[in-house]
Amino acid sequence: MKHQSIRIALLLSLLFAGSAYGQQVTPVIAARVAATELVDGVEALGTLRANESVVISSTVTELVKKINFDDGDLVNKGQIIVEMDAAEELALMVEEQTRLRQTERQLERTLSLVDSGAVSQSLVDEAQRDFDAANARVTAIQSRIDQRILRAPFGGITGLRMISQGALAQPGTAITRIDDTRTMKLDFSVPSVFLATLRKGIPITATARAFPAREFTGTINGIDSRIDPVTRSIMVRALLPNEDDLLRPGLLMQVTLQKNQRSALTIPEEAITLDGSTASVWRIETVAEKGKLARKITVKLGTRRDGMAEILSGLEDGDLIVTHGGMRLRPDAAVRIAGIDDGSVPIEEMLKTLGKPNAQ
């Protein structure tokens, strides 16, 4: 880029050296003011999290009887992950179910004698109490059995298996992790000065060094309820689709928050002349009987990006401005357009035609 700028400067100096010897019309390269879709970007660093994540662990002390998954398996909601030894509980269940049936039959017999007056209300209450107690014991034993059968609380991908069949699991023993990675949560902090522009639904783009050629897109889904008093920033959460299953929890990503999307007038930065804090450009106007004249126009600048500058005021869509060749211009100087800088021809090639009589 540096060598290209030097070559352009040399070509311009040679051109204007010739124009100093009596040439009245100054050849220039021009560009048109164009409306472009712009969006301001706020950059931040974020960390990926699974949409849902849980560590599957034991809640009882028991032997692991069967493991129904392997590392990285896709599991569905409710699928059995691990089965523990429940022989004692199953035996108790058989005993209590037998007792429950007995109390149920006793209750039915007692109720059938109520109308004839053969039994008192106290006997009915006792039979009902025995039935309810037996039913509660069955429910309690079923709960103990369920604690020994670990199921996936939601669909996702299992992590590494942390236990083996036959091991004695204790409360809190980690068995594996399940992550729902179909959608990823990207958490990042934004300076509080941008608080007024934050809202749900704002689009974001994210990149990661692991995938240098890939750009991921998503939208803001949540904004924290308070600002960090130390960093003066606020946590923001965006959701990123993960159909290709490339993203993983914990991945560091560079986030660009897109705000203030708008249609704005833009011009090449080469057209801008700065005098202190005042910016101006040479606008080419066609005047009757005088041809094309260059007039200096003061402009107000906005965002600059990728060699283009946003114009907030001073120019209109379609105006023709000088991008190269304006060093020797004076107000109302006659100019000849040697080329239009629209990206179709390299600048160096256009500069070579500035001195040719047939240049447009």
Protein backbone atom coordinates (compact mmCIF):
# COMPACT_ATOMS: atom_id res chain seq x y z
CA MET A 1 0.00 0.00 0.00
CA LYS A 2 2.89 2.36 0.87
CA HIS A 3 4.66 1.78 -2.49
CA GLN A 4 1.36 2.19 -4.36
CA SER A 5 0.80 5.59 -2.67
CA ILE A 6 4.32 6.70 -3.64
CA ARG A 7 3.73 5.71 -7.28
CA ILE A 8 0.41 7.59 -7.33
CA ALA A 9 2.08 10.70 -5.84
CA LEU A 10 4.87 10.57 -8.46
CA LEU A 11 2.37 10.26 -11.30
CA LEU A 12 0.39 13.21 -9.96
CA SER A 13 3.52 15.35 -9.56
CA LEU A 14 4.54 14.65 -13.17
CA LEU A 15 1.06 15.48 -14.37
CA PHE A 16 0.83 18.79 -12.54
CA ALA A 17 4.36 19.72 -13.49
CA GLY A 18 3.05 19.74 -17.05
CA SER A 19 -0.08 21.66 -16.17
CA ALA A 20 1.99 24.46 -14.64
CA TYR A 21 3.26 25.47 -18.09
CA GLY A 22 0.10 27.23 -19.17
CA GLN A 23 -2.44 24.41 -19.13
CA GLN A 24 -5.76 26.04 -18.19
CA VAL A 25 -7.95 22.95 -17.64
CA THR A 26 -6.90 20.63 -14.85
CA PRO A 27 -7.48 16.91 -15.47
CA VAL A 28 -8.85 15.05 -12.45
CA ILE A 29 -10.21 11.70 -11.43
CA ALA A 30 -13.69 11.87 -9.96
CA ALA A 31 -16.16 9.70 -8.05
CA ARG A 32 -19.86 9.95 -7.39
CA VAL A 33 -21.43 10.33 -3.98
CA ALA A 34 -23.42 7.14 -3.39
CA ALA A 35 -25.89 5.93 -0.80
CA THR A 36 -24.55 2.89 1.07
CA GLU A 37 -25.93 0.67 3.83
CA LEU A 38 -23.83 1.34 6.92
CA VAL A 39 -23.84 -0.07 10.41
CA ASP A 40 -21.74 0.93 13.42
CA GLY A 41 -19.77 -1.84 15.05
CA VAL A 42 -18.90 -2.33 18.74
CA GLU A 43 -16.24 -4.98 19.27
CA ALA A 44 -15.97 -7.25 22.29
CA LEU A 45 -14.69 -10.65 23.39
CA GLY A 46 -17.20 -13.33 24.31
CA THR A 47 -17.28 -16.89 25.59
CA LEU A 48 -19.57 -19.58 24.20
CA ARG A 49 -21.91 -21.59 26.40
CA ALA A 50 -24.26 -24.41 25.56
CA ASN A 51 -27.91 -23.48 25.36
CA GLU A 52 -28.51 -26.03 28.14
CA SER A 53 -25.79 -27.80 30.12
CA VAL A 54 -25.86 -30.19 33.08
CA VAL A 55 -23.47 -32.51 34.90
CA ILE A 56 -25.06 -35.93 35.37
CA SER A 57 -24.16 -37.12 38.87
CA SER A 58 -25.34 -39.68 41.39
CA THR A 59 -27.63 -38.74 44.27
CA VAL A 60 -27.19 -42.04 46.15
CA THR A 61 -24.39 -44.39 47.12
CA GLU A 62 -24.77 -47.41 44.85
CA LEU A 63 -22.94 -49.68 42.40
CA VAL A 64 -23.08 -48.75 38.71
CA LYS A 65 -24.84 -51.65 37.02
CA LYS A 66 -25.02 -50.49 33.39
CA ILE A 67 -23.76 -47.55 31.32
CA ASN A 68 -25.84 -46.79 28.20
CA PHE A 69 -23.71 -44.12 26.51
CA ASP A 70 -20.24 -43.44 25.17
CA ASP A 71 -18.16 -40.30 24.80
CA GLY A 72 -19.80 -37.77 22.49
CA ASP A 73 -23.07 -39.68 21.98
CA LEU A 74 -26.21 -37.86 20.95
CA VAL A 75 -28.97 -38.57 23.48
CA ASN A 76 -32.65 -37.71 23.58
CA LYS A 77 -34.66 -36.26 26.43
CA GLY A 78 -35.62 -39.00 28.92
CA GLN A 79 -33.12 -41.53 27.57
CA ILE A 80 -31.55 -43.75 30.27
CA ILE A 81 -27.89 -42.83 30.74
CA VAL A 82 -26.85 -44.99 33.69
CA GLU A 83 -28.55 -47.79 35.62
CA MET A 84 -27.50 -48.51 39.20
CA ASP A 85 -28.10 -51.59 41.31
CA ALA A 86 -31.69 -51.46 42.58
CA ALA A 87 -32.24 -55.12 43.55
CA GLU A 88 -33.09 -54.31 47.16
CA GLU A 89 -35.55 -51.58 46.19
CA LEU A 90 -37.22 -53.82 43.60
CA ALA A 91 -37.71 -56.53 46.23
CA LEU A 92 -39.21 -54.03 48.62
CA MET A 93 -41.47 -52.84 45.84
CA VAL A 94 -42.89 -56.36 45.36
CA GLU A 95 -43.53 -56.64 49.09
CA GLU A 96 -45.24 -53.27 49.35
CA GLN A 97 -47.35 -53.81 46.23
CA THR A 98 -48.65 -57.04 47.77
CA ARG A 99 -49.51 -55.19 50.96
CA LEU A 100 -51.16 -52.43 48.93
CA ARG A 101 -53.44 -54.92 47.18
CA GLN A 102 -54.39 -56.44 50.55
CA THR A 103 -55.30 -53.06 52.05
CA GLU A 104 -57.23 -52.16 48.92
CA ARG A 105 -59.36 -55.32 49.16
CA GLN A 106 -59.91 -54.75 52.90
CA LEU A 107 -61.07 -51.19 52.18
CA GLU A 108 -63.50 -52.40 49.52
CA ARG A 109 -65.01 -54.99 51.87
CA THR A 110 -65.37 -52.43 54.65
CA LEU A 111 -67.06 -49.94 52.40
CA SER A 112 -69.52 -52.58 51.15
CA LEU A 113 -70.77 -53.10 54.75
CA VAL A 114 -71.30 -49.43 55.53
CA ASP A 115 -74.80 -49.25 54.05
CA SER A 116 -76.00 -52.26 56.08
CA GLY A 117 -74.64 -50.76 59.30
CA ALA A 118 -72.46 -53.81 59.98
CA VAL A 119 -69.30 -51.71 60.46
CA SER A 120 -68.64 -48.45 62.23
CA GLN A 121 -67.15 -45.34 60.67
CA SER A 122 -63.98 -45.84 62.72
CA LEU A 123 -63.31 -49.18 60.94
CA VAL A 124 -63.80 -47.48 57.59
CA ASP A 125 -61.33 -44.76 58.57
CA GLU A 126 -58.80 -47.37 59.72
CA ALA A 127 -59.06 -49.31 56.45
CA GLN A 128 -58.66 -46.09 54.46
CA ARG A 129 -55.62 -45.12 56.54
CA ASP A 130 -53.96 -48.52 55.97
CA PHE A 131 -54.54 -48.23 52.23
CA ASP A 132 -53.15 -44.67 52.05
CA ALA A 133 -50.07 -45.68 54.06
CA ALA A 134 -49.36 -48.67 51.79
CA ASN A 135 -49.78 -46.47 48.71
CA ALA A 136 -47.35 -43.90 50.14
CA ARG A 137 -44.73 -46.60 50.83
CA VAL A 138 -45.02 -47.79 47.21
CA THR A 139 -44.50 -44.22 45.99
CA ALA A 140 -41.45 -43.80 48.26
CA ILE A 141 -39.86 -47.02 47.03
CA GLN A 142 -40.55 -46.05 43.41
CA SER A 143 -38.74 -42.76 44.06
CA ARG A 144 -35.73 -44.68 45.40
CA ILE A 145 -35.75 -46.84 42.26
CA ASP A 146 -35.94 -43.74 40.04
CA GLN A 147 -32.89 -42.29 41.83
CA ARG A 148 -30.93 -45.31 40.62
CA ILE A 149 -31.90 -44.75 36.97
CA LEU A 150 -30.27 -41.61 35.57
CA ARG A 151 -31.97 -40.09 32.51
CA ALA A 152 -31.08 -37.25 30.16
CA PRO A 153 -33.04 -34.14 31.26
CA PHE A 154 -32.88 -32.80 27.68
CA GLY A 155 -31.51 -33.77 24.31
CA GLY A 156 -27.85 -33.08 23.65
CA ILE A 157 -24.32 -34.45 23.35
CA THR A 158 -22.62 -36.33 26.15
CA GLY A 159 -19.14 -35.40 27.26
CA LEU A 160 -16.42 -37.74 28.43
CA ARG A 161 -17.50 -40.73 30.53
CA MET A 162 -16.12 -40.24 34.07
CA ILE A 163 -17.10 -43.56 35.65
CA SER A 164 -16.95 -47.27 34.82
CA GLN A 165 -19.40 -50.10 35.18
CA GLY A 166 -19.11 -51.74 38.61
CA ALA A 167 -17.81 -48.58 40.28
CA LEU A 168 -19.35 -47.39 43.53
CA ALA A 169 -21.01 -44.06 42.85
CA GLN A 170 -21.55 -41.66 45.71
CA PRO A 171 -23.68 -38.52 45.98
CA GLY A 172 -22.07 -35.83 43.82
CA THR A 173 -19.98 -38.28 41.77
CA ALA A 174 -19.76 -36.79 38.25
CA ILE A 175 -20.66 -39.32 35.56
CA THR A 176 -20.75 -37.17 32.41
CA ARG A 177 -21.95 -33.83 31.09
CA ILE A 178 -24.75 -33.24 28.62
CA ASP A 179 -24.68 -30.11 26.44
CA ASP A 180 -27.43 -28.94 24.13
CA THR A 181 -25.30 -27.33 21.39
CA ARG A 182 -27.90 -26.94 18.66
CA THR A 183 -28.04 -23.29 19.71
CA MET A 184 -25.13 -21.60 21.49
CA LYS A 185 -25.17 -18.78 24.02
CA LEU A 186 -22.45 -16.15 23.52
CA ASP A 187 -21.85 -14.02 26.62
CA PHE A 188 -19.82 -10.81 26.27
CA SER A 189 -19.49 -7.47 28.05
CA VAL A 190 -20.25 -4.11 26.44
CA PRO A 191 -19.19 -0.70 27.82
CA SER A 192 -22.09 1.00 29.57
CA VAL A 193 -21.85 4.03 27.23
CA PHE A 194 -23.62 1.88 24.63
CA LEU A 195 -26.45 0.96 27.00
CA ALA A 196 -29.01 3.13 25.16
CA THR A 197 -28.43 1.23 21.91
CA LEU A 198 -28.72 -2.27 23.39
CA ARG A 199 -31.95 -4.18 22.87
CA LYS A 200 -33.11 -7.67 22.06
CA GLY A 201 -32.95 -8.64 18.40
CA ILE A 202 -29.89 -6.57 17.44
CA PRO A 203 -27.75 -8.64 15.02
CA ILE A 204 -24.18 -9.59 15.88
CA THR A 205 -21.34 -11.30 14.03
CA ALA A 206 -18.69 -13.45 15.68
CA THR A 207 -15.43 -15.03 14.59
CA ALA A 208 -13.03 -17.46 16.22
CA ARG A 209 -9.38 -18.26 15.56
CA ALA A 210 -10.35 -21.91 15.29
CA PHE A 211 -12.39 -21.06 12.16
CA PRO A 212 -10.56 -18.12 10.52
CA ALA A 213 -12.55 -18.28 7.28
CA ARG A 214 -15.97 -18.53 8.94
CA GLU A 215 -18.24 -15.79 10.26
CA PHE A 216 -21.11 -16.69 12.57
CA THR A 217 -24.21 -14.56 12.91
CA GLY A 218 -26.80 -14.29 15.66
CA THR A 219 -28.96 -11.88 17.62
CA ILE A 220 -28.97 -10.45 21.13
CA ASN A 221 -31.31 -12.45 23.33
CA GLY A 222 -30.70 -11.03 26.80
CA ILE A 223 -29.16 -8.08 28.64
CA ASP A 224 -28.05 -8.26 32.27
CA SER A 225 -30.04 -6.35 34.87
CA ARG A 226 -27.07 -4.40 36.27
CA ILE A 227 -23.79 -2.76 35.30
CA ASP A 228 -20.52 -3.96 36.79
CA PRO A 229 -19.39 -1.11 39.13
CA VAL A 230 -15.71 -1.97 38.58
CA THR A 231 -15.50 -2.29 34.77
CA ARG A 232 -18.55 -0.11 34.02
CA SER A 233 -19.71 -2.68 31.51
CA ILE A 234 -22.83 -4.78 31.16
CA MET A 235 -23.12 -8.45 30.23
CA VAL A 236 -24.98 -9.24 27.03
CA ARG A 237 -26.07 -12.65 25.75
CA ALA A 238 -26.55 -13.52 22.08
CA LEU A 239 -27.82 -16.73 20.52
CA LEU A 240 -25.91 -18.34 17.64
CA PRO A 241 -27.37 -21.17 15.54
CA ASN A 242 -25.02 -24.17 15.38
CA GLU A 243 -26.46 -26.34 12.63
CA ASP A 244 -23.00 -27.46 11.48
CA ASP A 245 -22.05 -28.49 15.04
CA LEU A 246 -18.76 -26.58 14.80
CA LEU A 247 -19.03 -24.45 17.93
CA ARG A 248 -18.22 -25.80 21.37
CA PRO A 249 -18.80 -24.41 24.88
CA GLY A 250 -15.87 -22.41 26.21
CA LEU A 251 -14.69 -21.17 22.79
CA LEU A 252 -13.42 -17.56 22.81
CA MET A 253 -14.95 -15.43 20.05
CA GLN A 254 -14.46 -11.93 18.70
CA VAL A 255 -17.86 -10.25 18.68
CA THR A 256 -19.00 -7.31 16.57
CA LEU A 257 -22.25 -5.78 17.73
CA GLN A 258 -24.08 -4.16 14.82
CA LYS A 259 -25.97 -1.02 15.81
CA ASN A 260 -27.44 2.04 14.16
CA GLN A 261 -28.05 0.39 10.78
CA ARG A 262 -28.79 3.10 8.22
CA SER A 263 -28.52 4.25 4.61
CA ALA A 264 -25.81 6.93 4.36
CA LEU A 265 -23.91 8.89 1.72
CA THR A 266 -20.28 7.80 1.34
CA ILE A 267 -17.24 9.01 -0.59
CA PRO A 268 -13.62 7.78 -0.92
CA GLU A 269 -11.39 9.15 1.82
CA GLU A 270 -8.92 10.40 -0.84
CA ALA A 271 -11.42 13.11 -1.75
CA ILE A 272 -11.32 14.73 1.70
CA THR A 273 -9.14 17.74 2.54
CA LEU A 274 -8.67 18.55 6.22
CA ASP A 275 -7.90 22.05 7.51
CA GLY A 276 -7.75 21.66 11.26
CA SER A 277 -11.14 20.29 12.24
CA THR A 278 -12.79 21.42 8.99
CA ALA A 279 -13.27 18.87 6.21
CA SER A 280 -13.93 19.83 2.62
CA VAL A 281 -14.12 18.30 -0.86
CA TRP A 282 -13.95 19.55 -4.43
CA ARG A 283 -17.36 19.18 -6.06
CA ILE A 284 -17.55 19.27 -9.85
CA GLU A 285 -20.39 21.37 -11.20
CA THR A 286 -21.38 22.04 -14.79
CA VAL A 287 -21.84 25.76 -15.45
CA ALA A 288 -23.30 27.10 -18.68
CA GLU A 289 -20.65 28.50 -21.09
CA LYS A 290 -17.89 27.63 -18.61
CA GLY A 291 -18.03 23.84 -18.59
CA LYS A 292 -17.03 21.83 -15.55
CA LEU A 293 -15.79 23.80 -12.57
CA ALA A 294 -14.43 22.67 -9.20
CA ARG A 295 -15.95 24.26 -6.13
CA LYS A 296 -14.80 23.68 -2.57
CA ILE A 297 -17.57 22.39 -0.33
CA THR A 298 -17.39 22.05 3.46
CA VAL A 299 -18.74 18.69 4.64
CA LYS A 300 -19.52 17.05 7.94
CA LEU A 301 -18.00 13.60 8.34
CA GLY A 302 -19.38 10.55 10.10
CA THR A 303 -18.03 7.04 10.30
CA ARG A 304 -14.94 5.99 8.36
CA ARG A 305 -14.44 2.40 7.29
CA ASP A 306 -12.52 0.48 4.60
CA GLY A 307 -11.32 3.63 2.81
CA MET A 308 -14.78 5.21 2.69
CA ALA A 309 -16.13 8.14 4.70
CA GLU A 310 -19.72 8.84 5.67
CA ILE A 311 -21.03 12.29 4.73
CA LEU A 312 -23.55 13.72 7.18
CA SER A 313 -24.06 17.04 5.40
CA GLY A 314 -22.74 19.13 2.50
CA LEU A 315 -23.27 16.71 -0.41
CA GLU A 316 -26.15 14.95 -2.10
CA ASP A 317 -26.54 11.55 -3.68
CA GLY A 318 -25.07 11.55 -7.19
CA ASP A 319 -22.77 14.58 -6.74
CA LEU A 320 -19.46 14.34 -8.60
CA ILE A 321 -16.36 14.98 -6.48
CA VAL A 322 -12.61 15.02 -7.14
CA THR A 323 -10.67 12.12 -5.67
CA HIS A 324 -7.27 12.58 -7.38
CA GLY A 325 -5.85 15.71 -8.94
CA GLY A 326 -7.19 18.27 -6.50
CA MET A 327 -3.80 19.46 -5.19
CA ARG A 328 -3.52 22.32 -7.72
CA LEU A 329 -7.19 23.25 -7.82
CA ARG A 330 -8.51 26.65 -6.85
CA PRO A 331 -12.14 27.72 -6.45
CA ASP A 332 -14.04 27.69 -9.75
CA ALA A 333 -11.07 26.10 -11.57
CA ALA A 334 -11.93 24.43 -14.87
CA VAL A 335 -11.47 20.69 -14.75
CA ARG A 336 -11.50 17.79 -17.18
CA ILE A 337 -12.70 14.41 -15.90
CA ALA A 338 -10.05 11.91 -16.94
CA GLY A 339 -11.76 8.96 -15.26
CA ILE A 340 -14.45 7.89 -12.84
CA ASP A 341 -13.19 6.00 -9.81
CA ASP A 342 -15.82 3.27 -9.52
CA GLY A 343 -13.47 0.36 -8.81
CA SER A 344 -13.59 -1.05 -12.33
CA VAL A 345 -10.13 0.28 -13.31
CA PRO A 346 -7.03 0.49 -11.05
CA ILE A 347 -6.18 4.04 -9.96
CA GLU A 348 -2.68 3.78 -11.44
CA GLU A 349 -4.11 3.00 -14.88
CA MET A 350 -6.45 6.01 -14.71
CA LEU A 351 -3.61 8.29 -13.61
CA LYS A 352 -1.68 7.36 -16.75
CA THR A 353 -4.52 8.72 -18.88
CA LEU A 354 -4.75 12.11 -17.16
CA GLY A 355 -2.57 13.81 -19.75
CA LYS A 356 -4.16 12.20 -22.81
CA PRO A 357 -6.41 14.49 -24.89
CA ASN A 358 -9.05 11.80 -25.46
CA ALA A 359 -9.54 11.04 -21.76
CA GLN A 360 -13.14 11.24 -20.63
